[in-house]
Amino acid sequence: MPSLRRRQMIRAVKWSSFFFFGFIIVTQQVITNGPLIALDAKIANAGRVDFPSWIDFLLMRIDDLGLRGLTGTALMIAAIYISRRFKTWRPLNLAIFSIIALNLTVGLAKLLIGRTKPQLNVDLIYAGGLSYPSGHASNAILSWGVLAYLIYRYAHVDRYRGRLASAGVALISLSVCVVSLFRNTHWLSDLVGGLFIGAALLVMVIAIDRFVASNSQLS
C-alpha cells in the first residue's frame, strides 16, 4: 500500500475512534443522568419564538435535510450516477455500506436506550422511545458527508470544490441540529450523540476506502 494511502487510512481510523469515543461519553451521560442532561432540560424548557407559518415551513424543510429517506435517496442516486459515469462500482458499494452501517448502529442504539422525546415533557430512558441518538443529525453528517467524499474522490473535482462540499456538509448538519432544538424535537444530547456516531461512521467509510486500493481514485 502506498505510504500516502496508508497515512490517510491511519489518520481516518484515529478520527473515527475519537468520534466514537465521543459518542460513548454522551451515551454515558444519557444513561447515568449526567450534567449534560441538566442542560438538555434547560434548553427544552426555554421559551420558543412563535414564528409565522412561512418561517415554520422553511424550518421544517431544513429539518427534512436529515430525513433518512431523503438523505439515503440522494446518496444512492448520486452514487449510481458517479459509478456509471466513471465506470467503477466503488461509489455505489460505499454508499450502500454507509447506509446499512448507519441504520444498524443508530437503530440498535435507539431500541436499547429507548429515550423519550422532549415534547412529552419528561426525559425517560428504557421507556420505548426513539429519541437517542438523533437520526436526523447522524443521517445529515453521514449521508451528505459520504456524498461529498464520493464527489471528491471519484468525480475528480479539484481540492477547492472538495473543501466547499465539506463546508456544505458541516453547514447542513449544524442547521438540522439548530432547527431540531428550535422545534424541540430532540434533546441537545440526542443531537450531539447523533453527530458523533454519524461522524465516526463517515470517517470509518473513508478509512475502509483508503485501505482497499482503487485505480478510480485521485491517489
C-alpha atoms as a PDB file:
ATOM      1  CA  MET A   1       0.000   0.000   0.000  1.00  0.00           C
ATOM      2  CA  PRO A   2       1.494   3.386  -0.946  1.00  0.00           C
ATOM      3  CA  SER A   3       2.651   5.411   2.037  1.00  0.00           C
ATOM      4  CA  LEU A   4       0.192   8.242   1.266  1.00  0.00           C
ATOM      5  CA  ARG A   5      -2.794   5.907   1.312  1.00  0.00           C
ATOM      6  CA  ARG A   6      -1.552   4.245   4.487  1.00  0.00           C
ATOM      7  CA  ARG A   7      -1.180   7.599   6.251  1.00  0.00           C
ATOM      8  CA  GLN A   8      -4.673   8.616   5.144  1.00  0.00           C
ATOM      9  CA  MET A   9      -6.115   5.334   6.389  1.00  0.00           C
ATOM     10  CA  ILE A  10      -4.384   5.561   9.781  1.00  0.00           C
ATOM     11  CA  ARG A  11      -5.499   9.165  10.205  1.00  0.00           C
ATOM     12  CA  ALA A  12      -9.077   8.218   9.336  1.00  0.00           C
ATOM     13  CA  VAL A  13      -9.057   5.323  11.824  1.00  0.00           C
ATOM     14  CA  LYS A  14      -7.808   7.644  14.581  1.00  0.00           C
ATOM     15  CA  TRP A  15     -10.505  10.235  13.883  1.00  0.00           C
ATOM     16  CA  SER A  16     -13.198   7.559  13.685  1.00  0.00           C
ATOM     17  CA  SER A  17     -12.100   6.212  17.071  1.00  0.00           C
ATOM     18  CA  PHE A  18     -12.137   9.741  18.513  1.00  0.00           C
ATOM     19  CA  PHE A  19     -15.692  10.408  17.337  1.00  0.00           C
ATOM     20  CA  PHE A  20     -16.881   7.005  18.540  1.00  0.00           C
ATOM     21  CA  PHE A  21     -15.378   7.711  21.962  1.00  0.00           C
ATOM     22  CA  GLY A  22     -17.314  10.995  21.990  1.00  0.00           C
ATOM     23  CA  PHE A  23     -20.485   9.044  21.271  1.00  0.00           C
ATOM     24  CA  ILE A  24     -19.734   6.696  24.181  1.00  0.00           C
ATOM     25  CA  ILE A  25     -19.240   9.666  26.527  1.00  0.00           C
ATOM     26  CA  VAL A  26     -22.544  11.275  25.520  1.00  0.00           C
ATOM     27  CA  THR A  27     -24.313   7.915  25.829  1.00  0.00           C
ATOM     28  CA  GLN A  28     -22.893   7.528  29.335  1.00  0.00           C
ATOM     29  CA  GLN A  29     -24.285  10.953  30.237  1.00  0.00           C
ATOM     30  CA  VAL A  30     -27.726   9.977  28.958  1.00  0.00           C
ATOM     31  CA  ILE A  31     -27.818   6.639  30.767  1.00  0.00           C
ATOM     32  CA  THR A  32     -26.464   7.954  34.089  1.00  0.00           C
ATOM     33  CA  ASN A  33     -28.334  11.273  34.042  1.00  0.00           C
ATOM     34  CA  GLY A  34     -25.074  13.220  33.977  1.00  0.00           C
ATOM     35  CA  PRO A  35     -24.518  17.009  33.890  1.00  0.00           C
ATOM     36  CA  LEU A  36     -25.310  17.182  30.181  1.00  0.00           C
ATOM     37  CA  ILE A  37     -28.895  16.120  30.928  1.00  0.00           C
ATOM     38  CA  ALA A  38     -29.457  19.228  33.058  1.00  0.00           C
ATOM     39  CA  LEU A  39     -28.517  21.304  30.001  1.00  0.00           C
ATOM     40  CA  ASP A  40     -30.944  19.204  27.957  1.00  0.00           C
ATOM     41  CA  ALA A  41     -33.796  20.157  30.288  1.00  0.00           C
ATOM     42  CA  LYS A  42     -32.828  23.824  30.362  1.00  0.00           C
ATOM     43  CA  ILE A  43     -32.881  24.081  26.572  1.00  0.00           C
ATOM     44  CA  ALA A  44     -36.064  22.023  26.205  1.00  0.00           C
ATOM     45  CA  ASN A  45     -37.912  24.226  28.723  1.00  0.00           C
ATOM     46  CA  ALA A  46     -36.715  27.521  27.260  1.00  0.00           C
ATOM     47  CA  GLY A  47     -39.272  29.767  25.596  1.00  0.00           C
ATOM     48  CA  ARG A  48     -39.763  29.380  21.861  1.00  0.00           C
ATOM     49  CA  VAL A  49     -40.366  32.168  19.355  1.00  0.00           C
ATOM     50  CA  ASP A  50     -43.765  31.983  17.687  1.00  0.00           C
ATOM     51  CA  PHE A  51     -42.671  32.194  14.050  1.00  0.00           C
ATOM     52  CA  PRO A  52     -45.014  32.985  11.147  1.00  0.00           C
ATOM     53  CA  SER A  53     -46.250  29.947   9.216  1.00  0.00           C
ATOM     54  CA  TRP A  54     -43.908  30.565   6.276  1.00  0.00           C
ATOM     55  CA  ILE A  55     -40.862  30.524   8.566  1.00  0.00           C
ATOM     56  CA  ASP A  56     -42.126  27.325  10.184  1.00  0.00           C
ATOM     57  CA  PHE A  57     -42.395  25.852   6.694  1.00  0.00           C
ATOM     58  CA  LEU A  58     -38.783  26.798   5.909  1.00  0.00           C
ATOM     59  CA  LEU A  59     -37.572  25.378   9.211  1.00  0.00           C
ATOM     60  CA  MET A  60     -39.306  22.084   8.500  1.00  0.00           C
ATOM     61  CA  ARG A  61     -37.670  21.904   5.066  1.00  0.00           C
ATOM     62  CA  ILE A  62     -34.265  22.411   6.702  1.00  0.00           C
ATOM     63  CA  ASP A  63     -35.139  19.684   9.192  1.00  0.00           C
ATOM     64  CA  ASP A  64     -36.012  17.435   6.246  1.00  0.00           C
ATOM     65  CA  LEU A  65     -32.335  17.527   5.198  1.00  0.00           C
ATOM     66  CA  GLY A  66     -31.756  14.985   7.967  1.00  0.00           C
ATOM     67  CA  LEU A  67     -34.573  12.639   6.960  1.00  0.00           C
ATOM     68  CA  ARG A  68     -33.397   9.089   6.373  1.00  0.00           C
ATOM     69  CA  GLY A  69     -35.455   8.694   3.205  1.00  0.00           C
ATOM     70  CA  LEU A  70     -34.254  11.952   1.667  1.00  0.00           C
ATOM     71  CA  THR A  71     -30.583  11.608   2.555  1.00  0.00           C
ATOM     72  CA  GLY A  72     -30.436   7.936   1.600  1.00  0.00           C
ATOM     73  CA  THR A  73     -32.194   8.506  -1.728  1.00  0.00           C
ATOM     74  CA  ALA A  74     -29.964  11.458  -2.634  1.00  0.00           C
ATOM     75  CA  LEU A  75     -26.838   9.478  -1.748  1.00  0.00           C
ATOM     76  CA  MET A  76     -27.884   6.408  -3.737  1.00  0.00           C
ATOM     77  CA  ILE A  77     -28.864   8.403  -6.845  1.00  0.00           C
ATOM     78  CA  ALA A  78     -25.567  10.283  -6.794  1.00  0.00           C
ATOM     79  CA  ALA A  79     -23.562   7.102  -6.145  1.00  0.00           C
ATOM     80  CA  ILE A  80     -25.248   5.312  -9.066  1.00  0.00           C
ATOM     81  CA  TYR A  81     -24.555   8.254 -11.374  1.00  0.00           C
ATOM     82  CA  ILE A  82     -20.901   8.527 -10.326  1.00  0.00           C
ATOM     83  CA  SER A  83     -20.437   4.761 -10.655  1.00  0.00           C
ATOM     84  CA  ARG A  84     -21.864   4.729 -14.187  1.00  0.00           C
ATOM     85  CA  ARG A  85     -20.188   7.939 -15.273  1.00  0.00           C
ATOM     86  CA  PHE A  86     -16.709   6.962 -14.106  1.00  0.00           C
ATOM     87  CA  LYS A  87     -17.053   3.193 -14.601  1.00  0.00           C
ATOM     88  CA  THR A  88     -16.426   1.993 -11.062  1.00  0.00           C
ATOM     89  CA  TRP A  89     -18.683   0.203  -8.580  1.00  0.00           C
ATOM     90  CA  ARG A  90     -16.807   1.601  -5.588  1.00  0.00           C
ATOM     91  CA  PRO A  91     -19.038   4.686  -5.002  1.00  0.00           C
ATOM     92  CA  LEU A  92     -22.194   2.571  -5.009  1.00  0.00           C
ATOM     93  CA  ASN A  93     -20.663  -0.044  -2.702  1.00  0.00           C
ATOM     94  CA  LEU A  94     -19.544   2.627  -0.239  1.00  0.00           C
ATOM     95  CA  ALA A  95     -22.971   4.291  -0.305  1.00  0.00           C
ATOM     96  CA  ILE A  96     -24.775   1.023   0.398  1.00  0.00           C
ATOM     97  CA  PHE A  97     -22.333   0.109   3.165  1.00  0.00           C
ATOM     98  CA  SER A  98     -22.669   3.509   4.847  1.00  0.00           C
ATOM     99  CA  ILE A  99     -26.491   3.400   4.805  1.00  0.00           C
ATOM    100  CA  ILE A 100     -26.584  -0.124   6.247  1.00  0.00           C
ATOM    101  CA  ALA A 101     -23.992   0.693   8.926  1.00  0.00           C
ATOM    102  CA  LEU A 102     -25.848   3.855   9.936  1.00  0.00           C
ATOM    103  CA  ASN A 103     -29.262   2.244  10.206  1.00  0.00           C
ATOM    104  CA  LEU A 104     -27.955  -0.756  12.125  1.00  0.00           C
ATOM    105  CA  THR A 105     -25.921   1.319  14.586  1.00  0.00           C
ATOM    106  CA  VAL A 106     -28.381   4.132  15.219  1.00  0.00           C
ATOM    107  CA  GLY A 107     -31.415   1.857  15.107  1.00  0.00           C
ATOM    108  CA  LEU A 108     -29.931  -0.547  17.636  1.00  0.00           C
ATOM    109  CA  ALA A 109     -28.925   2.317  19.951  1.00  0.00           C
ATOM    110  CA  LYS A 110     -32.434   3.771  19.815  1.00  0.00           C
ATOM    111  CA  LEU A 111     -34.004   0.427  20.686  1.00  0.00           C
ATOM    112  CA  LEU A 112     -31.577  -0.334  23.513  1.00  0.00           C
ATOM    113  CA  ILE A 113     -31.780   3.094  25.177  1.00  0.00           C
ATOM    114  CA  GLY A 114     -35.446   3.850  24.487  1.00  0.00           C
ATOM    115  CA  ARG A 115     -35.302   7.542  25.391  1.00  0.00           C
ATOM    116  CA  THR A 116     -38.469   9.635  25.194  1.00  0.00           C
ATOM    117  CA  LYS A 117     -38.888  12.809  23.100  1.00  0.00           C
ATOM    118  CA  PRO A 118     -38.790  16.270  24.734  1.00  0.00           C
ATOM    119  CA  GLN A 119     -42.347  17.063  23.562  1.00  0.00           C
ATOM    120  CA  LEU A 120     -43.582  14.629  26.227  1.00  0.00           C
ATOM    121  CA  ASN A 121     -42.127  16.966  28.895  1.00  0.00           C
ATOM    122  CA  VAL A 122     -40.412  14.022  30.559  1.00  0.00           C
ATOM    123  CA  ASP A 123     -36.972  12.536  29.968  1.00  0.00           C
ATOM    124  CA  LEU A 124     -37.061   8.778  30.414  1.00  0.00           C
ATOM    125  CA  ILE A 125     -34.798   6.007  29.173  1.00  0.00           C
ATOM    126  CA  TYR A 126     -35.752   2.386  28.587  1.00  0.00           C
ATOM    127  CA  ALA A 127     -39.307   3.643  28.040  1.00  0.00           C
ATOM    128  CA  GLY A 128     -39.763   2.598  24.424  1.00  0.00           C
ATOM    129  CA  GLY A 129     -38.842   5.990  22.966  1.00  0.00           C
ATOM    130  CA  LEU A 130     -36.637   6.521  19.921  1.00  0.00           C
ATOM    131  CA  SER A 131     -35.053   9.866  20.708  1.00  0.00           C
ATOM    132  CA  TYR A 132     -31.381   8.967  21.317  1.00  0.00           C
ATOM    133  CA  PRO A 133     -29.303   9.253  19.244  1.00  0.00           C
ATOM    134  CA  SER A 134     -30.790  11.694  16.746  1.00  0.00           C
ATOM    135  CA  GLY A 135     -31.285  10.002  13.394  1.00  0.00           C
ATOM    136  CA  HIS A 136     -31.620  13.396  11.717  1.00  0.00           C
ATOM    137  CA  ALA A 137     -28.191  14.531  12.938  1.00  0.00           C
ATOM    138  CA  SER A 138     -26.456  11.241  12.114  1.00  0.00           C
ATOM    139  CA  ASN A 139     -28.171  10.988   8.715  1.00  0.00           C
ATOM    140  CA  ALA A 140     -27.177  14.533   7.800  1.00  0.00           C
ATOM    141  CA  ILE A 141     -23.490  14.253   8.594  1.00  0.00           C
ATOM    142  CA  LEU A 142     -23.014  10.706   7.282  1.00  0.00           C
ATOM    143  CA  SER A 143     -25.080  10.724   4.084  1.00  0.00           C
ATOM    144  CA  TRP A 144     -24.150  14.208   2.890  1.00  0.00           C
ATOM    145  CA  GLY A 145     -20.576  13.602   4.070  1.00  0.00           C
ATOM    146  CA  VAL A 146     -20.234  10.359   2.099  1.00  0.00           C
ATOM    147  CA  LEU A 147     -21.748  12.111  -0.922  1.00  0.00           C
ATOM    148  CA  ALA A 148     -19.183  14.915  -0.670  1.00  0.00           C
ATOM    149  CA  TYR A 149     -16.383  12.334  -0.321  1.00  0.00           C
ATOM    150  CA  LEU A 150     -17.539  10.377  -3.371  1.00  0.00           C
ATOM    151  CA  ILE A 151     -17.703  13.533  -5.465  1.00  0.00           C
ATOM    152  CA  TYR A 152     -14.176  14.488  -4.456  1.00  0.00           C
ATOM    153  CA  ARG A 153     -12.562  11.057  -4.775  1.00  0.00           C
ATOM    154  CA  TYR A 154     -14.400   9.642  -7.771  1.00  0.00           C
ATOM    155  CA  ALA A 155     -15.872  12.550  -9.758  1.00  0.00           C
ATOM    156  CA  HIS A 156     -12.412  14.124  -9.901  1.00  0.00           C
ATOM    157  CA  VAL A 157     -13.284  17.630  -8.699  1.00  0.00           C
ATOM    158  CA  ASP A 158     -10.464  19.906  -7.557  1.00  0.00           C
ATOM    159  CA  ARG A 159      -9.428  20.294  -3.911  1.00  0.00           C
ATOM    160  CA  TYR A 160     -11.096  23.706  -3.590  1.00  0.00           C
ATOM    161  CA  ARG A 161     -14.510  22.330  -4.573  1.00  0.00           C
ATOM    162  CA  GLY A 162     -13.934  19.396  -2.270  1.00  0.00           C
ATOM    163  CA  ARG A 163     -13.431  21.783   0.639  1.00  0.00           C
ATOM    164  CA  LEU A 164     -16.560  23.703  -0.336  1.00  0.00           C
ATOM    165  CA  ALA A 165     -18.501  20.425  -0.275  1.00  0.00           C
ATOM    166  CA  SER A 166     -17.111  19.647   3.191  1.00  0.00           C
ATOM    167  CA  ALA A 167     -18.164  23.096   4.418  1.00  0.00           C
ATOM    168  CA  GLY A 168     -21.611  22.466   2.975  1.00  0.00           C
ATOM    169  CA  VAL A 169     -21.898  19.211   4.924  1.00  0.00           C
ATOM    170  CA  ALA A 170     -20.952  20.987   8.149  1.00  0.00           C
ATOM    171  CA  LEU A 171     -23.487  23.753   7.466  1.00  0.00           C
ATOM    172  CA  ILE A 172     -26.307  21.300   6.717  1.00  0.00           C
ATOM    173  CA  SER A 173     -25.578  19.199   9.803  1.00  0.00           C
ATOM    174  CA  LEU A 174     -25.412  22.246  12.079  1.00  0.00           C
ATOM    175  CA  SER A 175     -28.615  23.685  10.575  1.00  0.00           C
ATOM    176  CA  VAL A 176     -30.505  20.427  11.120  1.00  0.00           C
ATOM    177  CA  CYS A 177     -29.422  20.388  14.775  1.00  0.00           C
ATOM    178  CA  VAL A 178     -30.328  24.036  15.402  1.00  0.00           C
ATOM    179  CA  VAL A 179     -33.759  23.594  13.838  1.00  0.00           C
ATOM    180  CA  SER A 180     -34.357  20.468  15.935  1.00  0.00           C
ATOM    181  CA  LEU A 181     -33.610  22.485  19.067  1.00  0.00           C
ATOM    182  CA  PHE A 182     -35.932  25.301  17.965  1.00  0.00           C
ATOM    183  CA  ARG A 183     -38.732  22.838  17.236  1.00  0.00           C
ATOM    184  CA  ASN A 184     -37.975  20.872  20.426  1.00  0.00           C
ATOM    185  CA  THR A 185     -37.957  17.575  18.558  1.00  0.00           C
ATOM    186  CA  HIS A 186     -34.716  16.360  20.185  1.00  0.00           C
ATOM    187  CA  TRP A 187     -32.738  16.843  23.353  1.00  0.00           C
ATOM    188  CA  LEU A 188     -29.359  18.514  22.856  1.00  0.00           C
ATOM    189  CA  SER A 189     -27.544  15.314  23.832  1.00  0.00           C
ATOM    190  CA  ASP A 190     -29.554  13.413  21.172  1.00  0.00           C
ATOM    191  CA  LEU A 191     -28.134  15.723  18.541  1.00  0.00           C
ATOM    192  CA  VAL A 192     -24.573  15.683  19.879  1.00  0.00           C
ATOM    193  CA  GLY A 193     -24.647  11.894  20.108  1.00  0.00           C
ATOM    194  CA  GLY A 194     -26.050  11.690  16.577  1.00  0.00           C
ATOM    195  CA  LEU A 195     -23.295  13.926  15.226  1.00  0.00           C
ATOM    196  CA  PHE A 196     -20.607  11.866  16.964  1.00  0.00           C
ATOM    197  CA  ILE A 197     -21.826   8.484  15.720  1.00  0.00           C
ATOM    198  CA  GLY A 198     -22.515   9.866  12.228  1.00  0.00           C
ATOM    199  CA  ALA A 199     -19.022  11.361  12.054  1.00  0.00           C
ATOM    200  CA  ALA A 200     -17.457   8.133  13.368  1.00  0.00           C
ATOM    201  CA  LEU A 201     -19.161   6.089  10.645  1.00  0.00           C
ATOM    202  CA  LEU A 202     -18.327   8.660   7.972  1.00  0.00           C
ATOM    203  CA  VAL A 203     -14.618   8.571   8.749  1.00  0.00           C
ATOM    204  CA  MET A 204     -14.752   4.776   9.058  1.00  0.00           C
ATOM    205  CA  VAL A 205     -16.120   4.604   5.492  1.00  0.00           C
ATOM    206  CA  ILE A 206     -13.213   6.782   4.367  1.00  0.00           C
ATOM    207  CA  ALA A 207     -10.750   4.546   6.227  1.00  0.00           C
ATOM    208  CA  ILE A 208     -12.154   1.439   4.529  1.00  0.00           C
ATOM    209  CA  ASP A 209     -11.996   3.132   1.148  1.00  0.00           C
ATOM    210  CA  ARG A 210      -8.367   4.120   1.669  1.00  0.00           C
ATOM    211  CA  PHE A 211      -7.486   0.605   2.881  1.00  0.00           C
ATOM    212  CA  VAL A 212      -8.512  -1.045  -0.415  1.00  0.00           C
ATOM    213  CA  ALA A 213      -6.722   0.403  -3.414  1.00  0.00           C
ATOM    214  CA  SER A 214      -8.673   1.590  -6.476  1.00  0.00           C
ATOM    215  CA  ASN A 215      -7.493   2.958  -9.789  1.00  0.00           C
ATOM    216  CA  SER A 216     -10.555   5.234  -9.840  1.00  0.00           C
ATOM    217  CA  GLN A 217      -9.304   7.430  -7.020  1.00  0.00           C
ATOM    218  CA  LEU A 218      -7.232  10.565  -7.339  1.00  0.00           C
ATOM    219  CA  SER A 219      -4.491   8.999  -5.214  1.00  0.00           C
END
